[in-house]
Amino acid sequence: MEVQKRDIKDYICRNDKYFKIPVFQRAYSWTERPIQQFLLDIENAVNTQKTHYFGGIVVVDDAKFKVVIDGQQRLTTTLLYITSIYWVLKNGLVKEKEYTIEKIKNQFLYDQYGEENDKRKIMLRTVTTDKDVFNKIIELGPTGHIESHKANKQ
C-alpha cells in the first residue's frame, strides 16, 4: 500500500480517472450534523488561513477508475459542496472570484477529456441508490431544473 499526503483540491483535480463507489459500499448516509461540522471546519480553515486535515481516502486504481474503499462520505460531501458552489455562481447569487464556473465544472466535477460515448463524464460514479440523486444534483442543480434562480429573480 502506498500512502501519500495530498491536498484535497489537487487530488480531486487530477481527473485522469473517475472516482467510483463500489457496490459493496453503503449508500450516502451523512446527516445534518456531520455535514454542519464539515462546513464549519471548511469555514474555520478559510477564516484562519490554516490547513485542515480532511481525513483519509483509500482508493484502488484500476484501468479507468479510482475505486473508493474508504472516505466515500467525505469525498461525496466535498463534491456536493463544490457542486453547490458551482450552482450558486452559475445562477449569479454571488460574483465569481478566484474560480470561474467553467473552471469549477471542468476541474472538479466533470472530465472534459473523458470517453466520447459518456456524455455526463461526472467524476464520481456511484453504484448505490444514490446514483440518480447525485447525478441530478450535478447536472441540474439543487432545485432540479437549470436556471431556476434566475427565473425566480425576474
Protein backbone atom coordinates (compact mmCIF):
# COMPACT_ATOMS: atom_id res chain seq x y z
CA MET A 1 0.00 0.00 0.00
CA GLU A 2 1.29 3.43 -0.91
CA VAL A 3 0.41 6.34 1.40
CA GLN A 4 0.58 9.90 0.11
CA LYS A 5 -0.18 13.18 1.82
CA ARG A 6 -2.02 15.33 -0.70
CA ASP A 7 -4.05 18.47 -0.93
CA ILE A 8 -7.72 17.55 -1.50
CA LYS A 9 -8.01 20.14 -4.27
CA ASP A 10 -5.08 18.64 -6.16
CA TYR A 11 -6.36 15.13 -5.53
CA ILE A 12 -9.80 15.83 -6.94
CA CYS A 13 -8.42 17.90 -9.83
CA ARG A 14 -6.37 15.01 -11.13
CA ASN A 15 -9.14 13.86 -13.38
CA ASP A 16 -7.16 11.22 -15.18
CA LYS A 17 -9.53 8.65 -13.66
CA TYR A 18 -13.08 8.69 -12.36
CA PHE A 19 -13.85 8.02 -8.71
CA LYS A 20 -16.10 5.00 -8.40
CA ILE A 21 -18.04 3.89 -5.34
CA PRO A 22 -18.20 0.09 -5.45
CA VAL A 23 -21.43 -1.80 -4.91
CA PHE A 24 -20.32 -3.14 -1.50
CA GLN A 25 -20.09 0.38 -0.05
CA ARG A 26 -23.01 1.74 1.94
CA ALA A 27 -25.22 4.44 0.46
CA TYR A 28 -24.51 8.07 1.28
CA SER A 29 -25.57 8.48 4.90
CA TRP A 30 -24.26 11.76 6.28
CA THR A 31 -26.97 13.62 8.12
CA GLU A 32 -27.21 17.29 9.05
CA ARG A 33 -24.81 17.05 11.99
CA PRO A 34 -21.68 15.72 10.20
CA ILE A 35 -22.39 18.00 7.22
CA GLN A 36 -22.60 21.04 9.51
CA GLN A 37 -19.32 20.05 11.15
CA PHE A 38 -17.74 19.60 7.71
CA LEU A 39 -18.88 23.10 6.68
CA LEU A 40 -17.70 24.64 9.97
CA ASP A 41 -14.30 23.01 9.52
CA ILE A 42 -14.01 24.46 6.00
CA GLU A 43 -15.15 27.89 7.17
CA ASN A 44 -12.65 27.83 10.04
CA ALA A 45 -9.81 26.80 7.71
CA VAL A 46 -10.66 29.63 5.31
CA ASN A 47 -11.07 32.26 8.05
CA THR A 48 -7.85 31.32 9.85
CA GLN A 49 -5.97 30.59 6.62
CA LYS A 50 -4.82 27.31 8.10
CA THR A 51 -4.87 23.86 6.62
CA HIS A 52 -7.47 21.33 7.68
CA TYR A 53 -6.95 17.59 7.98
CA PHE A 54 -9.58 16.23 5.64
CA GLY A 55 -9.15 12.58 6.58
CA GLY A 56 -8.01 9.58 4.66
CA ILE A 57 -9.27 8.39 1.33
CA VAL A 58 -8.34 4.87 0.33
CA VAL A 59 -8.61 4.02 -3.34
CA VAL A 60 -7.58 1.14 -5.53
CA ASP A 61 -6.50 2.17 -9.01
CA ASP A 62 -7.75 0.11 -11.88
CA ALA A 63 -7.61 0.84 -15.60
CA LYS A 64 -10.29 3.55 -15.65
CA PHE A 65 -11.34 4.25 -12.06
CA LYS A 66 -10.12 5.14 -8.60
CA VAL A 67 -12.29 2.69 -6.69
CA VAL A 68 -13.09 4.28 -3.31
CA ILE A 69 -12.60 1.83 -0.47
CA ASP A 70 -12.66 4.34 2.41
CA GLY A 71 -13.57 8.03 2.57
CA GLN A 72 -16.67 7.82 0.39
CA GLN A 73 -18.79 10.02 2.67
CA ARG A 74 -16.15 12.79 2.83
CA LEU A 75 -15.38 12.62 -0.87
CA THR A 76 -19.06 12.68 -1.86
CA THR A 77 -19.78 15.56 0.55
CA THR A 78 -16.83 17.50 -0.85
CA LEU A 79 -18.04 17.03 -4.42
CA LEU A 80 -21.58 18.03 -3.42
CA TYR A 81 -20.14 21.13 -1.73
CA ILE A 82 -18.18 22.04 -4.87
CA THR A 83 -21.34 21.42 -6.91
CA SER A 84 -23.29 23.82 -4.70
CA ILE A 85 -20.62 26.48 -5.21
CA TYR A 86 -20.84 25.89 -8.96
CA TRP A 87 -24.62 26.37 -8.98
CA VAL A 88 -24.51 29.44 -6.72
CA LEU A 89 -22.04 31.06 -9.13
CA LYS A 90 -23.87 29.86 -12.24
CA ASN A 91 -27.15 31.32 -11.02
CA GLY A 92 -25.50 34.65 -10.23
CA LEU A 93 -26.20 34.56 -6.49
CA VAL A 94 -22.64 35.70 -5.78
CA LYS A 95 -19.92 37.04 -8.04
CA GLU A 96 -17.08 34.85 -9.21
CA LYS A 97 -13.75 35.43 -7.54
CA GLU A 98 -10.79 33.11 -7.96
CA TYR A 99 -12.59 30.37 -9.86
CA THR A 100 -14.90 30.75 -12.82
CA ILE A 101 -17.90 28.47 -13.13
CA GLU A 102 -16.34 26.75 -16.13
CA LYS A 103 -13.11 26.15 -14.24
CA ILE A 104 -15.02 24.63 -11.30
CA LYS A 105 -17.04 22.43 -13.66
CA ASN A 106 -14.06 21.24 -15.70
CA GLN A 107 -11.56 20.93 -12.88
CA PHE A 108 -13.62 19.31 -10.13
CA LEU A 109 -16.92 17.91 -11.40
CA TYR A 110 -16.50 16.65 -14.97
CA ASP A 111 -13.80 15.03 -17.01
CA GLN A 112 -13.76 17.18 -20.12
CA TYR A 113 -11.42 14.69 -21.78
CA GLY A 114 -13.42 11.57 -20.84
CA GLU A 115 -14.58 8.95 -23.24
CA GLU A 116 -16.66 10.26 -26.11
CA ASN A 117 -19.57 7.87 -25.52
CA ASP A 118 -20.03 9.10 -21.94
CA LYS A 119 -21.99 12.32 -22.20
CA ARG A 120 -22.02 13.10 -18.46
CA LYS A 121 -18.37 12.38 -17.65
CA ILE A 122 -19.12 13.04 -13.96
CA MET A 123 -16.04 12.48 -11.82
CA LEU A 124 -17.76 10.45 -9.07
CA ARG A 125 -19.53 7.30 -10.16
CA THR A 126 -21.89 5.79 -7.64
CA VAL A 127 -23.48 2.39 -7.98
CA THR A 128 -25.76 2.61 -4.98
CA THR A 129 -29.27 4.04 -4.92
CA ASP A 130 -27.65 7.47 -4.56
CA LYS A 131 -26.62 7.48 -8.21
CA ASP A 132 -29.73 9.14 -9.66
CA VAL A 133 -29.92 11.80 -6.95
CA PHE A 134 -26.22 12.62 -7.19
CA ASN A 135 -26.34 12.86 -11.00
CA LYS A 136 -29.38 15.15 -10.91
CA ILE A 137 -27.70 17.48 -8.41
CA ILE A 138 -24.57 17.63 -10.57
CA GLU A 139 -26.42 18.08 -13.86
CA LEU A 140 -29.48 20.14 -12.88
CA GLY A 141 -28.61 21.89 -9.65
CA PRO A 142 -30.17 21.65 -6.22
CA THR A 143 -33.67 22.60 -7.34
CA GLY A 144 -33.87 20.04 -10.12
CA HIS A 145 -34.03 22.42 -13.04
CA ILE A 146 -31.50 24.67 -14.67
CA GLU A 147 -31.74 28.45 -14.37
CA SER A 148 -34.35 28.22 -11.59
CA HIS A 149 -32.86 31.03 -9.52
CA LYS A 150 -32.59 33.43 -12.46
CA ALA A 151 -36.19 32.77 -13.39
CA ASN A 152 -37.29 33.47 -9.80
CA LYS A 153 -35.43 36.80 -9.72
CA GLN A 154 -37.28 38.20 -12.72
